[in-house]
Protein backbone atom coordinates (compact mmCIF):
# COMPACT_ATOMS: atom_id res chain seq x y z
CA MET A 1 299.67 190.69 144.21
CA ILE A 2 298.62 194.15 145.66
CA THR A 3 297.11 193.07 149.51
CA ARG A 4 299.96 191.58 150.16
CA ILE A 5 302.21 195.03 149.77
CA PHE A 6 299.60 196.33 152.34
CA ARG A 7 299.41 193.71 154.92
CA ILE A 8 302.29 195.20 157.74
CA SER A 9 301.69 198.44 158.92
CA ASN A 10 304.75 200.74 157.23
CA PRO A 11 305.13 204.91 157.47
CA PHE A 12 306.20 204.40 154.25
CA HIS A 13 302.24 203.79 152.59
CA TYR A 14 301.26 206.47 154.84
CA VAL A 15 304.00 209.06 153.43
CA LEU A 16 302.65 207.44 150.02
CA PHE A 17 298.99 207.99 150.85
CA PHE A 18 299.34 211.59 152.24
CA THR A 19 301.02 212.52 149.23
CA ALA A 20 298.10 211.27 146.81
CA LEU A 21 295.48 212.93 148.60
CA LEU A 22 297.40 216.10 149.20
CA SER A 23 297.95 215.92 144.91
CA LEU A 24 294.03 215.10 144.42
CA TYR A 25 293.03 218.31 147.29
CA ILE A 26 295.89 220.80 144.99
CA PHE A 27 294.47 219.82 141.79
CA GLN A 28 290.48 219.62 142.85
CA ARG A 29 291.00 223.04 144.91
CA TYR A 30 292.83 225.08 143.13
CA SER A 31 292.32 224.28 139.35
CA ASN A 32 289.16 226.30 139.52
CA TYR A 33 291.04 230.07 139.97
CA ILE A 34 292.09 231.80 137.26
CA ASP A 35 294.72 233.54 139.09
CA PHE A 36 296.90 233.41 142.25
CA GLY A 37 295.43 236.66 143.27
CA SER A 38 291.34 235.16 143.49
CA ILE A 39 292.26 232.66 146.22
CA ASP A 40 290.76 233.48 149.33
CA PHE A 41 293.41 232.01 151.36
CA PHE A 42 291.37 231.77 155.31
CA ASN A 43 289.14 229.35 153.35
CA GLU A 44 291.60 227.62 151.44
CA THR A 45 293.67 227.29 154.78
CA LEU A 46 290.37 226.59 156.87
CA ALA A 47 289.69 223.66 154.59
CA LEU A 48 293.56 222.38 154.43
CA THR A 49 293.54 222.09 158.26
CA PHE A 50 290.57 220.21 158.54
CA PHE A 51 291.65 217.45 155.21
CA LEU A 52 294.75 217.07 157.17
CA LEU A 53 292.66 216.35 160.45
CA THR A 54 290.51 213.74 158.95
CA MET A 55 293.16 211.63 157.35
CA PHE A 56 295.09 212.12 161.12
CA LEU A 57 291.78 210.75 163.10
CA LEU A 58 291.19 208.37 160.32
CA VAL A 59 294.51 206.03 161.45
CA PHE A 60 294.10 207.54 165.47
CA ILE A 61 290.68 205.97 165.19
CA ILE A 62 291.67 202.68 163.72
CA THR A 63 294.70 202.15 165.76
CA LYS A 64 292.90 203.44 168.77
CA ASN A 65 290.20 201.33 168.93
CA ASN A 66 291.43 198.40 167.44
CA LEU A 67 289.08 198.07 163.88
CA THR A 68 291.51 196.27 161.77
CA GLN A 69 294.86 194.75 162.94
CA ASN A 70 298.02 196.15 162.41
CA ASN A 71 298.37 197.36 158.88
CA SER A 72 298.08 199.96 155.96
CA PHE A 73 294.60 198.77 154.49
CA GLY A 74 292.47 200.81 156.18
CA ALA A 75 294.33 204.60 154.84
CA LEU A 76 294.40 202.52 151.41
CA TYR A 77 290.79 202.42 150.96
CA PHE A 78 290.48 205.74 152.69
CA THR A 79 293.02 206.87 150.01
CA LEU A 80 291.32 205.72 146.02
CA LEU A 81 287.21 206.32 147.70
CA ILE A 82 288.88 209.57 147.98
CA PHE A 83 289.79 209.54 144.66
CA LEU A 84 286.19 208.06 143.85
CA ILE A 85 284.90 211.56 144.84
CA PRO A 86 286.58 213.93 144.44
CA GLN A 87 284.07 216.61 144.00
CA ALA A 88 284.05 216.16 147.94
CA LEU A 89 287.37 218.13 148.27
CA ILE A 90 285.55 221.10 147.04
CA ASP A 91 283.23 221.43 149.65
CA THR A 92 285.13 223.46 152.50
CA LYS A 93 281.69 223.17 154.76
CA LEU A 94 281.52 219.44 154.12
CA ILE A 95 284.77 218.85 154.84
CA ILE A 96 284.64 220.71 157.94
CA SER A 97 281.75 218.97 159.13
CA ASN A 98 283.01 215.71 158.32
CA ALA A 99 286.56 216.35 160.95
CA PHE A 100 283.66 217.03 163.37
CA VAL A 101 281.55 214.19 162.64
CA LEU A 102 285.31 212.10 163.09
CA LEU A 103 286.11 213.88 165.91
CA SER A 104 282.82 213.27 167.63
CA PHE A 105 282.88 209.21 167.08
CA ARG A 106 286.99 209.12 168.58
CA ARG A 107 284.40 209.86 171.42
CA ILE A 108 281.84 207.59 170.86
CA PHE A 109 284.30 204.86 170.01
CA SER A 110 285.96 205.13 173.43
CA LEU A 111 282.71 204.58 175.33
CA GLU A 112 283.09 200.98 175.48
CA SER A 113 286.16 201.43 177.88
CA LYS A 114 283.07 202.96 180.40
CA GLN A 115 285.69 205.75 181.70
CA ASN A 116 284.82 209.52 182.01
CA LEU A 117 281.40 208.46 180.51
CA LYS A 118 280.17 211.96 180.90
CA LYS A 119 282.96 214.21 179.85
CA LYS A 120 283.06 211.28 176.36
CA TYR A 121 279.70 212.05 176.18
CA PHE A 122 279.22 215.46 176.51
CA ASP A 123 282.52 216.53 173.96
CA ALA A 124 280.71 213.86 171.37
CA ALA A 125 276.93 216.21 171.67
CA VAL A 126 279.89 219.33 171.22
CA TRP A 127 281.09 217.67 167.65
CA LEU A 128 277.84 216.40 166.83
CA THR A 129 276.50 219.86 166.93
CA LEU A 130 279.33 221.65 165.34
CA ALA A 131 279.21 218.87 162.33
CA MET A 132 275.06 219.96 162.20
CA LEU A 133 275.92 223.74 162.15
CA PHE A 134 278.03 222.98 158.72
CA TYR A 135 275.90 220.33 157.08
CA HIS A 136 272.26 219.67 158.53
CA TRP A 137 272.22 215.92 157.32
CA ALA A 138 274.75 215.34 160.52
CA ILE A 139 272.30 215.58 162.65
CA LEU A 140 271.71 211.40 161.96
CA TYR A 141 274.30 210.74 163.46
CA TYR A 142 272.94 211.71 166.99
CA ALA A 143 271.62 207.85 166.66
CA PRO A 144 274.10 205.73 167.50
CA LEU A 145 275.43 207.96 169.75
CA LEU A 146 271.98 207.96 171.54
CA LEU A 147 271.82 204.13 171.14
CA THR A 148 275.38 203.95 172.84
CA ILE A 149 273.60 204.89 176.22
CA ILE A 150 270.65 203.11 176.03
CA PHE A 151 272.98 200.03 175.26
CA VAL A 152 276.75 200.94 176.86
CA SER A 153 276.04 203.28 179.63
CA PHE A 154 274.58 203.02 183.37
CA ASP A 155 272.73 206.44 184.67
CA ARG A 156 271.71 206.71 181.61
CA PHE A 157 269.02 209.67 182.35
CA LYS A 158 272.31 211.69 183.88
CA HIS A 159 274.00 210.98 180.14
CA PHE A 160 270.83 212.11 178.62
CA LEU A 161 271.33 215.48 180.37
CA VAL A 162 275.35 215.60 179.61
CA LEU A 163 274.18 215.70 175.69
CA PHE A 164 271.43 218.33 175.86
CA PHE A 165 274.04 220.26 177.71
CA GLY A 166 276.95 220.05 175.54
CA ILE A 167 274.07 220.92 172.30
CA ILE A 168 273.07 224.06 174.21
CA ALA A 169 276.85 224.94 175.08
CA VAL A 170 277.32 225.27 171.15
CA TYR A 171 274.41 227.17 171.12
CA ALA A 172 275.48 229.30 173.96
CA LEU A 173 278.81 230.11 172.47
CA GLY A 174 277.69 230.65 169.16
CA PHE A 175 274.66 232.94 170.63
CA LEU A 176 277.83 234.69 172.39
CA PHE A 177 279.39 235.21 169.12
CA HIS A 178 276.59 236.75 167.59
CA ILE A 179 276.57 239.36 170.05
CA ILE A 180 279.82 239.92 170.41
CA PHE A 181 281.39 240.08 166.72
CA GLY A 182 278.14 240.33 164.43
CA ILE A 183 279.44 236.69 163.71
CA ASP A 184 275.35 234.61 162.33
CA LEU A 185 276.40 230.60 162.64
CA ASN A 186 272.54 229.91 161.55
CA LEU A 187 272.14 228.54 165.08
CA VAL A 188 268.06 228.86 165.14
CA HIS A 189 266.77 228.17 160.65
CA LEU A 190 268.02 224.48 160.77
CA GLU A 191 266.38 224.16 156.68
CA PHE A 192 266.37 220.94 154.65
CA PRO A 193 266.47 221.00 151.13
CA LYS A 194 263.25 221.06 149.70
CA HIS A 195 264.78 219.41 146.68
CA LYS A 196 266.27 214.89 146.67
CA PHE A 197 269.02 213.70 144.59
CA ASP A 198 267.61 212.80 141.08
CA PHE A 199 268.99 209.51 139.56
CA TRP A 200 268.15 209.72 136.54
CA SER A 201 269.33 213.44 135.78
CA LEU A 202 272.84 212.22 136.06
CA SER A 203 275.04 211.00 133.08
CA GLU A 204 275.11 207.26 131.87
CA ILE A 205 278.79 207.08 133.49
CA SER A 206 278.12 209.36 136.34
CA LYS A 207 275.05 206.89 136.84
CA ALA A 208 277.64 204.22 136.94
CA PHE A 209 279.59 205.31 139.64
CA VAL A 210 276.90 205.88 142.15
CA ILE A 211 275.60 202.55 141.59
CA ILE A 212 278.67 200.29 141.95
CA VAL A 213 279.94 202.88 144.79
CA PHE A 214 276.12 201.95 146.11
CA LEU A 215 276.43 198.53 146.19
CA ILE A 216 279.84 198.49 147.59
CA GLY A 217 278.80 200.23 150.48
CA LEU A 218 275.68 198.03 150.81
CA GLY A 219 277.48 194.90 150.45
CA ALA A 220 280.41 195.90 153.08
CA PHE A 221 276.80 196.78 155.30
CA LEU A 222 275.11 193.75 154.82
CA ASN A 223 279.11 191.78 155.26
CA LEU A 224 279.37 194.31 158.78
CA ILE A 225 275.92 192.80 159.82
CA ILE A 226 276.59 189.24 159.18
CA ASN A 227 279.69 188.97 161.15
CA LEU A 228 278.51 190.91 164.36
CA ILE A 229 275.24 187.84 164.24
CA PHE A 230 277.93 185.18 164.24
CA LYS A 231 281.08 186.34 165.66
CA ASN A 232 281.59 186.97 169.14
CA ASN A 233 283.79 190.53 168.92
CA LYS A 234 285.30 191.46 172.17
CA TYR A 235 285.20 195.02 169.98
CA LYS A 236 280.93 194.20 169.05
CA MET A 237 279.27 197.65 170.22
CA GLY A 238 282.49 199.61 168.17
CA PHE A 239 281.34 197.42 165.10
CA ILE A 240 277.29 198.30 165.40
CA VAL A 241 278.74 201.72 165.90
CA LEU A 242 280.59 201.40 162.43
CA SER A 243 277.36 200.18 160.86
CA MET A 244 275.32 202.47 161.75
CA MET A 245 277.52 205.06 160.44
CA LEU A 246 278.18 202.98 157.00
CA LEU A 247 274.16 202.82 157.13
CA ILE A 248 273.46 206.71 157.88
CA GLY A 249 276.48 207.21 154.97
CA LEU A 250 274.21 204.96 152.79
CA ILE A 251 271.79 206.99 153.35
CA ILE A 252 272.88 211.01 153.00
CA PRO A 253 273.47 211.38 149.32
CA LEU A 254 270.23 209.26 148.62
CA ILE A 255 268.24 212.03 150.97
CA SER A 256 269.85 215.31 150.50
CA PHE A 257 270.22 217.43 146.75
CA ASP A 258 273.46 217.47 145.92
CA PRO A 259 274.15 216.13 142.40
CA SER A 260 277.93 215.94 142.83
CA ILE A 261 277.92 213.08 144.77
CA GLY A 262 280.17 214.76 147.38
CA ASN A 263 278.42 214.47 150.00
CA ALA A 264 279.32 209.97 149.65
CA LEU A 265 282.53 211.91 152.04
CA PHE A 266 280.52 210.61 155.28
CA LEU A 267 280.52 207.36 153.66
CA VAL A 268 284.36 206.92 153.38
CA PHE A 269 285.43 206.09 157.15
CA PRO A 270 283.29 203.49 157.93
CA LEU A 271 283.71 201.47 154.70
CA SER A 272 287.50 202.17 154.45
CA VAL A 273 287.80 200.30 158.30
CA VAL A 274 284.94 197.56 157.06
CA ALA A 275 286.95 197.14 153.50
CA ALA A 276 290.18 196.71 155.51
CA ASN A 277 288.33 194.12 157.38
CA PHE A 278 287.56 192.40 154.39
CA SER A 279 290.69 192.25 153.24
CA GLU A 280 292.35 190.60 156.17
CA LYS A 281 290.87 187.73 156.18
CA GLU A 282 292.93 185.12 154.51
CA ASN A 283 290.35 183.24 152.55
CA THR A 284 289.27 186.67 150.81
CA PHE A 285 292.56 187.39 149.04
CA TRP A 286 291.67 187.23 145.43
CA LEU A 287 288.49 189.03 146.24
CA SER A 288 290.24 191.48 148.18
CA ASN A 289 292.38 191.98 145.19
CA LEU A 290 290.02 192.40 142.47
CA LEU A 291 288.15 194.52 144.73
CA LEU A 292 290.87 197.45 144.79
CA LEU A 293 291.22 196.54 141.06
CA LEU A 294 287.84 197.87 140.70
CA ILE A 295 288.06 200.63 143.06
CA ILE A 296 291.74 201.60 141.38
CA THR A 297 290.67 201.86 137.85
CA LEU A 298 287.10 203.36 138.72
CA ALA A 299 289.45 206.13 140.38
CA PHE A 300 291.91 206.29 136.95
CA ILE A 301 288.08 206.73 134.78
CA LYS A 302 286.58 209.20 136.93
CA LEU A 303 290.12 211.29 136.96
CA GLY A 304 290.70 210.43 132.91
CA PHE A 305 286.97 211.95 131.88
CA ASN A 306 286.72 214.43 134.66
CA ILE A 307 283.33 213.02 136.06
């Protein structure tokens, strides 16, 4: 069965995933260019760099924080979910913001060790503020960061101050860039869209995809909450943070104006981890295989119909 192939981590798996994602990325990014001369090389290099960083961060965060066992399920689900929302790869700002969010959560997940807390809180605040500059709804990810101060750390007031200084540091550097280089990073005017996502304007096939992805995400969230309530896990705080990431990833497409659902990119990391944990269970093999077959089928339909 499919799940048995990826139960043990293998370098070949990652080569396979990397090749598939890079092929999809190139197809999505360059199929819209009329000729070679019209390519914006700076923008494309920037987008590719941050996309590769996202793939690296996925494996690093999962491995470093023991979010899954020693298998390839996390990377497998990450790859398949990206194939479900290939339109997310077109938006450079979205890719960059998502990478900054993951850089922030790389520090947030490590807070449970209670070592170098001030440095980690400062770094997390800096990365999240940068993420917010590229995609404003990333501001919602401050919620799990603030939660860790309340439940994990001591010296709460000092750590709140550290977060504040991390945010101020980004704005100060932004103003400095503006004064010296004349680059406007839109640090002051944070404008939210006046419209919301219109589900009913989508095609019937697109509606089906939205519903299926949302149900998978909601099911994963409920499964994660149930496990947190009934199981004693030494990494419980990490999974509480993960559940908040998953919830925010579900909320963002619902409250933002993006008919392409490209911002579901924020949902990919937490959903990959939760799905990987689900596939690790011996008693859910048949259901895991069914889920994988469903996602693979949907991904092929998505690419085939270009929806």
